[in-house]
Amino acid sequence: MADDLEEEVTRRLRKLIDPELGLNVVDLGLIYRVELDGRSGELRIDMTLTTRGCPLEGFMVEGARNALSDIPGIGRVDVRLVWDPPWTPDRINAAGQGQLNFRQIG
């Protein structure tokens, strides 16, 4: 995927906030894969949530799809929830840790 498209995808996904933690899905480490099919223009996103059975599952998936659907050159956005590997707080990046005042122990 071209760097400028990857930056745009990341920028837009950073606007999608996990309502439980108040942090965006990128910094939380909820985005596992972003892939563009060059022939079809389909953008495929694998993402997870902090817990299985989250009542906002549909909201989060639709939020990601809506955030990305009007990027020029994207034909379709396919957002899939995945649970392997399971999400843990270790996936939160440095920016997210700073926002949460989170410090890993050990």
N, C-alpha and C. Protein backbone atom coordinates (compact mmCIF):
# COMPACT_ATOMS: atom_id res chain seq x y z
N MET A 1 0.85 -1.17 0.00
CA MET A 1 0.00 0.00 0.00
C MET A 1 0.90 1.23 0.00
N ALA A 2 0.54 2.21 -0.79
CA ALA A 2 1.32 3.45 -0.89
C ALA A 2 1.35 4.16 0.46
N ASP A 3 2.49 4.79 0.75
CA ASP A 3 2.66 5.46 2.04
C ASP A 3 1.60 6.52 2.29
N ASP A 4 1.26 7.31 1.26
CA ASP A 4 0.28 8.37 1.47
C ASP A 4 -1.10 7.81 1.78
N LEU A 5 -1.46 6.67 1.17
CA LEU A 5 -2.75 6.04 1.47
C LEU A 5 -2.73 5.47 2.88
N GLU A 6 -1.63 4.84 3.26
CA GLU A 6 -1.51 4.28 4.60
C GLU A 6 -1.62 5.39 5.66
N GLU A 7 -1.00 6.52 5.41
CA GLU A 7 -1.08 7.66 6.33
C GLU A 7 -2.51 8.17 6.44
N GLU A 8 -3.21 8.23 5.31
CA GLU A 8 -4.60 8.71 5.33
C GLU A 8 -5.49 7.74 6.10
N VAL A 9 -5.31 6.44 5.89
CA VAL A 9 -6.08 5.44 6.61
C VAL A 9 -5.82 5.58 8.11
N THR A 10 -4.56 5.69 8.49
CA THR A 10 -4.21 5.82 9.91
C THR A 10 -4.80 7.11 10.50
N ARG A 11 -4.69 8.20 9.77
CA ARG A 11 -5.23 9.48 10.24
C ARG A 11 -6.73 9.38 10.50
N ARG A 12 -7.43 8.75 9.58
CA ARG A 12 -8.88 8.63 9.73
C ARG A 12 -9.26 7.67 10.86
N LEU A 13 -8.54 6.57 10.98
CA LEU A 13 -8.86 5.62 12.05
C LEU A 13 -8.56 6.19 13.43
N ARG A 14 -7.64 7.14 13.49
CA ARG A 14 -7.35 7.79 14.78
C ARG A 14 -8.54 8.62 15.29
N LYS A 15 -9.50 8.87 14.43
CA LYS A 15 -10.70 9.60 14.85
C LYS A 15 -11.74 8.67 15.47
N LEU A 16 -11.54 7.37 15.33
CA LEU A 16 -12.47 6.39 15.90
C LEU A 16 -12.02 6.07 17.33
N ILE A 17 -12.83 6.50 18.28
CA ILE A 17 -12.47 6.40 19.69
C ILE A 17 -13.18 5.22 20.35
N ASP A 18 -12.42 4.42 21.08
CA ASP A 18 -13.01 3.37 21.89
C ASP A 18 -13.72 4.04 23.06
N PRO A 19 -15.05 3.90 23.17
CA PRO A 19 -15.79 4.64 24.19
C PRO A 19 -15.44 4.22 25.62
N GLU A 20 -14.98 3.00 25.79
CA GLU A 20 -14.66 2.53 27.14
C GLU A 20 -13.38 3.18 27.67
N LEU A 21 -12.36 3.29 26.81
CA LEU A 21 -11.07 3.81 27.26
C LEU A 21 -10.81 5.24 26.81
N GLY A 22 -11.63 5.74 25.88
CA GLY A 22 -11.46 7.11 25.42
C GLY A 22 -10.21 7.33 24.59
N LEU A 23 -9.74 6.30 23.94
CA LEU A 23 -8.52 6.37 23.14
C LEU A 23 -8.82 5.82 21.76
N ASN A 24 -8.12 6.32 20.75
CA ASN A 24 -8.42 5.88 19.38
C ASN A 24 -7.94 4.45 19.13
N VAL A 25 -8.54 3.83 18.12
CA VAL A 25 -8.30 2.41 17.84
C VAL A 25 -6.87 2.13 17.36
N VAL A 26 -6.22 3.12 16.76
CA VAL A 26 -4.84 2.93 16.30
C VAL A 26 -3.90 2.87 17.50
N ASP A 27 -3.97 3.88 18.36
CA ASP A 27 -3.07 3.93 19.51
C ASP A 27 -3.34 2.81 20.51
N LEU A 28 -4.58 2.33 20.54
CA LEU A 28 -4.92 1.18 21.40
C LEU A 28 -4.36 -0.13 20.86
N GLY A 29 -3.96 -0.14 19.60
CA GLY A 29 -3.47 -1.38 19.01
C GLY A 29 -4.57 -2.32 18.56
N LEU A 30 -5.73 -1.77 18.25
CA LEU A 30 -6.86 -2.60 17.83
C LEU A 30 -6.84 -2.91 16.34
N ILE A 31 -6.02 -2.21 15.57
CA ILE A 31 -5.93 -2.46 14.13
C ILE A 31 -4.80 -3.45 13.88
N TYR A 32 -5.14 -4.62 13.38
CA TYR A 32 -4.15 -5.67 13.16
C TYR A 32 -3.60 -5.70 11.74
N ARG A 33 -4.45 -5.36 10.76
CA ARG A 33 -4.00 -5.44 9.36
C ARG A 33 -4.78 -4.45 8.53
N VAL A 34 -4.06 -3.81 7.60
CA VAL A 34 -4.67 -2.93 6.60
C VAL A 34 -4.07 -3.34 5.27
N GLU A 35 -4.93 -3.70 4.33
CA GLU A 35 -4.44 -4.19 3.04
C GLU A 35 -5.35 -3.69 1.93
N LEU A 36 -4.73 -3.22 0.86
CA LEU A 36 -5.48 -2.75 -0.30
C LEU A 36 -5.29 -3.73 -1.44
N ASP A 37 -6.41 -4.19 -2.01
CA ASP A 37 -6.36 -5.01 -3.21
C ASP A 37 -6.27 -4.05 -4.39
N GLY A 38 -5.12 -4.00 -5.03
CA GLY A 38 -4.88 -3.06 -6.11
C GLY A 38 -5.79 -3.24 -7.31
N ARG A 39 -6.26 -4.46 -7.55
CA ARG A 39 -7.14 -4.69 -8.70
C ARG A 39 -8.57 -4.25 -8.44
N SER A 40 -9.10 -4.62 -7.29
CA SER A 40 -10.51 -4.31 -7.00
C SER A 40 -10.69 -2.98 -6.28
N GLY A 41 -9.62 -2.48 -5.66
CA GLY A 41 -9.73 -1.26 -4.86
C GLY A 41 -10.33 -1.51 -3.49
N GLU A 42 -10.49 -2.79 -3.13
CA GLU A 42 -11.06 -3.11 -1.82
C GLU A 42 -10.01 -2.92 -0.73
N LEU A 43 -10.39 -2.21 0.32
CA LEU A 43 -9.55 -2.00 1.48
C LEU A 43 -10.01 -2.98 2.55
N ARG A 44 -9.09 -3.82 3.00
CA ARG A 44 -9.42 -4.83 4.01
C ARG A 44 -8.75 -4.46 5.33
N ILE A 45 -9.57 -4.43 6.36
CA ILE A 45 -9.10 -4.08 7.70
C ILE A 45 -9.42 -5.24 8.64
N ASP A 46 -8.42 -5.72 9.34
CA ASP A 46 -8.65 -6.66 10.44
C ASP A 46 -8.46 -5.87 11.72
N MET A 47 -9.48 -5.88 12.56
CA MET A 47 -9.38 -5.18 13.83
C MET A 47 -9.96 -6.05 14.92
N THR A 48 -9.63 -5.73 16.13
CA THR A 48 -10.17 -6.43 17.28
C THR A 48 -10.76 -5.41 18.23
N LEU A 49 -11.28 -5.87 19.32
CA LEU A 49 -11.79 -5.00 20.38
C LEU A 49 -11.11 -5.41 21.69
N THR A 50 -11.25 -4.59 22.70
CA THR A 50 -10.58 -4.90 23.96
C THR A 50 -11.18 -6.12 24.64
N THR A 51 -12.46 -6.40 24.39
CA THR A 51 -13.10 -7.57 24.97
C THR A 51 -14.09 -8.18 23.98
N ARG A 52 -14.18 -9.50 24.01
CA ARG A 52 -15.21 -10.18 23.22
C ARG A 52 -16.58 -9.86 23.79
N GLY A 53 -17.55 -9.82 22.91
CA GLY A 53 -18.91 -9.58 23.36
C GLY A 53 -19.19 -8.13 23.70
N CYS A 54 -18.32 -7.24 23.29
CA CYS A 54 -18.52 -5.81 23.54
C CYS A 54 -19.85 -5.40 22.91
N PRO A 55 -20.71 -4.73 23.67
CA PRO A 55 -22.00 -4.33 23.11
C PRO A 55 -21.90 -3.29 22.00
N LEU A 56 -20.73 -2.66 21.85
CA LEU A 56 -20.54 -1.66 20.81
C LEU A 56 -19.81 -2.21 19.59
N GLU A 57 -19.76 -3.52 19.47
CA GLU A 57 -19.06 -4.18 18.36
C GLU A 57 -19.51 -3.64 17.01
N GLY A 58 -20.80 -3.60 16.77
CA GLY A 58 -21.32 -3.11 15.49
C GLY A 58 -20.98 -1.64 15.27
N PHE A 59 -21.05 -0.85 16.32
CA PHE A 59 -20.72 0.57 16.24
C PHE A 59 -19.26 0.77 15.83
N MET A 60 -18.36 -0.02 16.40
CA MET A 60 -16.93 0.12 16.12
C MET A 60 -16.62 -0.30 14.68
N VAL A 61 -17.20 -1.40 14.23
CA VAL A 61 -16.98 -1.88 12.87
C VAL A 61 -17.53 -0.87 11.87
N GLU A 62 -18.73 -0.42 12.10
CA GLU A 62 -19.35 0.56 11.20
C GLU A 62 -18.59 1.88 11.24
N GLY A 63 -18.10 2.26 12.40
CA GLY A 63 -17.32 3.49 12.52
C GLY A 63 -16.05 3.43 11.68
N ALA A 64 -15.37 2.29 11.71
CA ALA A 64 -14.16 2.13 10.90
C ALA A 64 -14.53 2.17 9.42
N ARG A 65 -15.58 1.47 9.05
CA ARG A 65 -16.00 1.44 7.64
C ARG A 65 -16.36 2.84 7.16
N ASN A 66 -17.12 3.57 7.95
CA ASN A 66 -17.53 4.92 7.56
C ASN A 66 -16.34 5.87 7.48
N ALA A 67 -15.39 5.72 8.37
CA ALA A 67 -14.23 6.60 8.38
C ALA A 67 -13.40 6.47 7.11
N LEU A 68 -13.46 5.31 6.48
CA LEU A 68 -12.58 5.02 5.35
C LEU A 68 -13.29 4.97 4.00
N SER A 69 -14.60 4.98 4.00
CA SER A 69 -15.35 4.69 2.79
C SER A 69 -15.24 5.74 1.69
N ASP A 70 -14.90 6.96 2.03
CA ASP A 70 -14.87 7.99 0.98
C ASP A 70 -13.46 8.40 0.57
N ILE A 71 -12.48 7.55 0.83
CA ILE A 71 -11.11 7.82 0.38
C ILE A 71 -11.07 7.60 -1.13
N PRO A 72 -10.57 8.57 -1.88
CA PRO A 72 -10.48 8.40 -3.33
C PRO A 72 -9.67 7.15 -3.70
N GLY A 73 -10.21 6.37 -4.63
CA GLY A 73 -9.54 5.17 -5.09
C GLY A 73 -9.92 3.91 -4.34
N ILE A 74 -10.69 4.06 -3.26
CA ILE A 74 -11.14 2.89 -2.49
C ILE A 74 -12.52 2.50 -3.00
N GLY A 75 -12.64 1.25 -3.44
CA GLY A 75 -13.91 0.79 -3.97
C GLY A 75 -14.86 0.30 -2.90
N ARG A 76 -14.33 -0.42 -1.94
CA ARG A 76 -15.14 -1.03 -0.88
C ARG A 76 -14.26 -1.16 0.34
N VAL A 77 -14.85 -1.08 1.52
CA VAL A 77 -14.11 -1.26 2.77
C VAL A 77 -14.69 -2.48 3.47
N ASP A 78 -13.84 -3.46 3.70
CA ASP A 78 -14.23 -4.69 4.39
C ASP A 78 -13.55 -4.70 5.75
N VAL A 79 -14.32 -4.51 6.81
CA VAL A 79 -13.78 -4.51 8.17
C VAL A 79 -14.18 -5.82 8.83
N ARG A 80 -13.16 -6.57 9.25
CA ARG A 80 -13.43 -7.86 9.90
C ARG A 80 -12.92 -7.82 11.33
N LEU A 81 -13.74 -8.32 12.25
CA LEU A 81 -13.29 -8.47 13.63
C LEU A 81 -12.54 -9.78 13.76
N VAL A 82 -11.39 -9.73 14.38
CA VAL A 82 -10.59 -10.92 14.62
C VAL A 82 -10.26 -10.98 16.10
N TRP A 83 -10.06 -12.18 16.59
CA TRP A 83 -9.80 -12.35 18.02
C TRP A 83 -8.48 -13.05 18.29
N ASP A 84 -7.73 -13.31 17.24
CA ASP A 84 -6.45 -13.98 17.40
C ASP A 84 -5.38 -13.17 16.69
N PRO A 85 -4.39 -12.67 17.37
CA PRO A 85 -4.16 -12.85 18.81
C PRO A 85 -5.11 -11.97 19.62
N PRO A 86 -5.40 -12.40 20.82
CA PRO A 86 -6.26 -11.58 21.67
C PRO A 86 -5.58 -10.25 22.00
N TRP A 87 -6.38 -9.22 22.14
CA TRP A 87 -5.84 -7.92 22.51
C TRP A 87 -5.43 -7.94 23.97
N THR A 88 -4.30 -7.30 24.27
CA THR A 88 -3.86 -7.07 25.64
C THR A 88 -3.36 -5.63 25.73
N PRO A 89 -3.25 -5.07 26.92
CA PRO A 89 -2.73 -3.70 27.05
C PRO A 89 -1.32 -3.53 26.49
N ASP A 90 -0.59 -4.60 26.30
CA ASP A 90 0.75 -4.50 25.70
C ASP A 90 0.70 -3.95 24.28
N ARG A 91 -0.44 -4.00 23.63
CA ARG A 91 -0.57 -3.53 22.26
C ARG A 91 -0.74 -2.00 22.17
N ILE A 92 -0.97 -1.34 23.29
CA ILE A 92 -1.12 0.11 23.29
C ILE A 92 0.24 0.72 22.95
N ASN A 93 0.26 1.61 21.95
CA ASN A 93 1.54 2.22 21.56
C ASN A 93 1.94 3.32 22.54
N ALA A 94 3.13 3.88 22.34
CA ALA A 94 3.66 4.88 23.27
C ALA A 94 2.75 6.11 23.37
N ALA A 95 2.18 6.54 22.24
CA ALA A 95 1.28 7.69 22.26
C ALA A 95 0.06 7.40 23.13
N GLY A 96 -0.49 6.20 22.97
CA GLY A 96 -1.65 5.81 23.76
C GLY A 96 -1.32 5.67 25.23
N GLN A 97 -0.17 5.12 25.53
CA GLN A 97 0.24 4.98 26.92
C GLN A 97 0.38 6.34 27.58
N GLY A 98 0.93 7.30 26.82
CA GLY A 98 1.05 8.65 27.35
C GLY A 98 -0.30 9.28 27.64
N GLN A 99 -1.26 9.04 26.77
CA GLN A 99 -2.59 9.61 26.97
C GLN A 99 -3.30 8.98 28.16
N LEU A 100 -2.99 7.73 28.41
CA LEU A 100 -3.61 7.02 29.52
C LEU A 100 -2.79 7.11 30.81
N ASN A 101 -1.60 7.74 30.71
CA ASN A 101 -0.65 7.72 31.83
C ASN A 101 -0.40 6.28 32.28
N PHE A 102 -0.21 5.44 31.29
CA PHE A 102 -0.07 4.01 31.48
C PHE A 102 1.41 3.65 31.54
N ARG A 103 1.76 2.84 32.49
CA ARG A 103 3.14 2.39 32.58
C ARG A 103 3.13 0.89 32.76
N GLN A 104 3.83 0.22 31.86
CA GLN A 104 3.92 -1.22 31.97
C GLN A 104 4.87 -1.58 33.10
N ILE A 105 4.51 -2.59 33.82
CA ILE A 105 5.35 -3.06 34.93
C ILE A 105 5.95 -4.38 34.51
N GLY A 106 7.22 -4.56 34.79
CA GLY A 106 7.88 -5.83 34.51
C GLY A 106 8.62 -5.78 33.30
